[in-house]
Amino acid sequence: MNEDKIGIRSEELGNKLVVHVQGNLDVHNTHKIEKDLLALVSSSGKSVIFNLSEVPFISSAGLRLLVTTLRHCQEQKISISICGLQPAVEKVFDIIGMQQLFTIYPDLDAALK
């Protein structure tokens, strides 16, 4: 995927909504998906799993998007978790302490259990 492109697709697996994010979550891309992402998680009413296995890079704008989505879900009593962090993204999460906000799983299979 071109680094300027971002995409999301979703699928319902049992009682969970899995949101697959593809591309860099950065200042150039997050605004392209924020509105759709918030509408998607609101309309489903299901627990949300963000699969970030196809996200090679995340900036502060991407972190803000995840935290905004987390707060939105909390207001609606929807649980949210993240899986599939690539090493560079996992390092950012570790530095920032994102695991204090999110339940993080190594992969989608683990998140679905």
Protein backbone atom coordinates (compact mmCIF):
# COMPACT_ATOMS: atom_id res chain seq x y z
CA MET A 1 0.00 0.00 0.00
CA ASN A 2 1.26 3.48 -0.85
CA GLU A 3 2.38 5.21 2.36
CA ASP A 4 -0.01 8.11 1.68
CA LYS A 5 -2.98 5.74 1.53
CA ILE A 6 -4.96 4.54 4.49
CA GLY A 7 -7.82 2.14 4.59
CA ILE A 8 -10.15 0.46 7.00
CA ARG A 9 -12.35 -2.53 6.56
CA SER A 10 -14.47 -4.24 9.13
CA GLU A 11 -15.96 -7.62 9.78
CA GLU A 12 -18.18 -8.96 12.51
CA LEU A 13 -16.82 -12.10 14.12
CA GLY A 14 -19.26 -13.36 16.71
CA ASN A 15 -19.93 -10.61 19.22
CA LYS A 16 -16.93 -8.54 18.09
CA LEU A 17 -16.35 -5.95 15.41
CA VAL A 18 -12.87 -6.32 13.94
CA VAL A 19 -11.55 -3.17 12.31
CA HIS A 20 -8.57 -3.83 10.05
CA VAL A 21 -6.46 -0.71 9.52
CA GLN A 22 -4.03 -0.56 6.59
CA GLY A 23 -1.36 2.09 6.09
CA ASN A 24 0.44 4.69 8.15
CA LEU A 25 -1.55 6.30 10.95
CA ASP A 26 -0.07 9.76 10.66
CA VAL A 27 -1.03 13.41 10.31
CA HIS A 28 -1.58 12.98 6.57
CA ASN A 29 -4.00 10.08 6.91
CA THR A 30 -5.91 10.01 10.19
CA HIS A 31 -8.36 12.74 9.19
CA LYS A 32 -9.35 10.58 6.20
CA ILE A 33 -10.76 7.82 8.40
CA GLU A 34 -11.71 9.42 11.73
CA LYS A 35 -15.35 10.22 10.95
CA ASP A 36 -15.99 6.84 9.31
CA LEU A 37 -14.24 5.02 12.13
CA LEU A 38 -16.30 6.66 14.87
CA ALA A 39 -19.53 6.03 12.96
CA LEU A 40 -18.56 2.40 12.39
CA VAL A 41 -17.89 1.60 16.04
CA SER A 42 -20.99 3.49 17.17
CA SER A 43 -23.34 1.75 14.79
CA SER A 44 -22.17 -1.76 15.62
CA GLY A 45 -22.57 -1.63 19.39
CA LYS A 46 -20.19 -4.60 19.62
CA SER A 47 -16.83 -4.94 21.31
CA VAL A 48 -14.18 -3.54 18.98
CA ILE A 49 -10.81 -5.03 18.08
CA PHE A 50 -8.42 -2.85 16.09
CA ASN A 51 -6.16 -5.07 14.00
CA LEU A 52 -3.07 -2.94 13.35
CA SER A 53 -0.99 -5.70 11.73
CA GLU A 54 -0.86 -3.68 8.49
CA VAL A 55 0.12 -0.39 10.16
CA PRO A 56 3.90 0.05 9.84
CA PHE A 57 4.04 3.55 11.37
CA ILE A 58 2.05 5.59 13.88
CA SER A 59 2.53 9.26 14.77
CA SER A 60 1.02 11.35 17.54
CA ALA A 61 -1.95 12.00 15.22
CA GLY A 62 -2.55 8.25 14.98
CA LEU A 63 -2.27 7.88 18.74
CA ARG A 64 -4.77 10.73 19.16
CA LEU A 65 -7.19 8.95 16.82
CA LEU A 66 -6.96 5.75 18.86
CA VAL A 67 -7.47 7.61 22.15
CA THR A 68 -10.39 9.60 20.68
CA THR A 69 -11.97 6.34 19.53
CA LEU A 70 -11.36 4.80 22.96
CA ARG A 71 -13.13 7.68 24.70
CA HIS A 72 -15.99 7.50 22.20
CA CYS A 73 -16.35 3.77 22.88
CA GLN A 74 -16.20 4.25 26.65
CA GLU A 75 -19.04 6.78 26.46
CA GLN A 76 -21.10 4.14 24.65
CA LYS A 77 -20.04 1.32 27.00
CA ILE A 78 -18.23 -0.49 24.17
CA SER A 79 -15.01 -2.34 24.98
CA ILE A 80 -12.03 -1.82 22.71
CA SER A 81 -8.76 -3.69 22.24
CA ILE A 82 -5.84 -3.70 19.82
CA CYS A 83 -3.93 -6.52 18.20
CA GLY A 84 -1.13 -7.18 15.74
CA LEU A 85 1.29 -4.38 16.52
CA GLN A 86 4.29 -4.25 14.22
CA PRO A 87 7.64 -3.75 16.03
CA ALA A 88 7.96 -0.01 15.29
CA VAL A 89 4.38 0.66 16.43
CA GLU A 90 4.80 -1.56 19.49
CA LYS A 91 7.89 0.45 20.47
CA VAL A 92 5.88 3.70 20.31
CA PHE A 93 3.10 2.10 22.39
CA ASP A 94 5.68 1.01 24.99
CA ILE A 95 7.29 4.46 25.19
CA ILE A 96 3.94 6.25 25.50
CA GLY A 97 2.39 3.68 27.85
CA MET A 98 -0.61 2.89 25.65
CA GLN A 99 -0.99 -0.54 27.27
CA GLN A 100 -2.34 1.32 30.30
CA LEU A 101 -5.27 2.48 28.16
CA PHE A 102 -5.82 -0.49 25.86
CA THR A 103 -5.84 -4.25 26.16
CA ILE A 104 -3.26 -5.32 23.58
CA TYR A 105 -3.05 -8.80 22.07
CA PRO A 106 -0.22 -10.21 19.96
CA ASP A 107 -2.53 -11.22 17.10
CA LEU A 108 -6.17 -11.45 16.03
CA ASP A 109 -6.59 -15.06 17.15
CA ALA A 110 -5.56 -14.14 20.69
CA ALA A 111 -7.89 -11.11 20.68
CA LEU A 112 -10.87 -13.22 19.63
CA LYS A 113 -10.47 -15.75 22.48
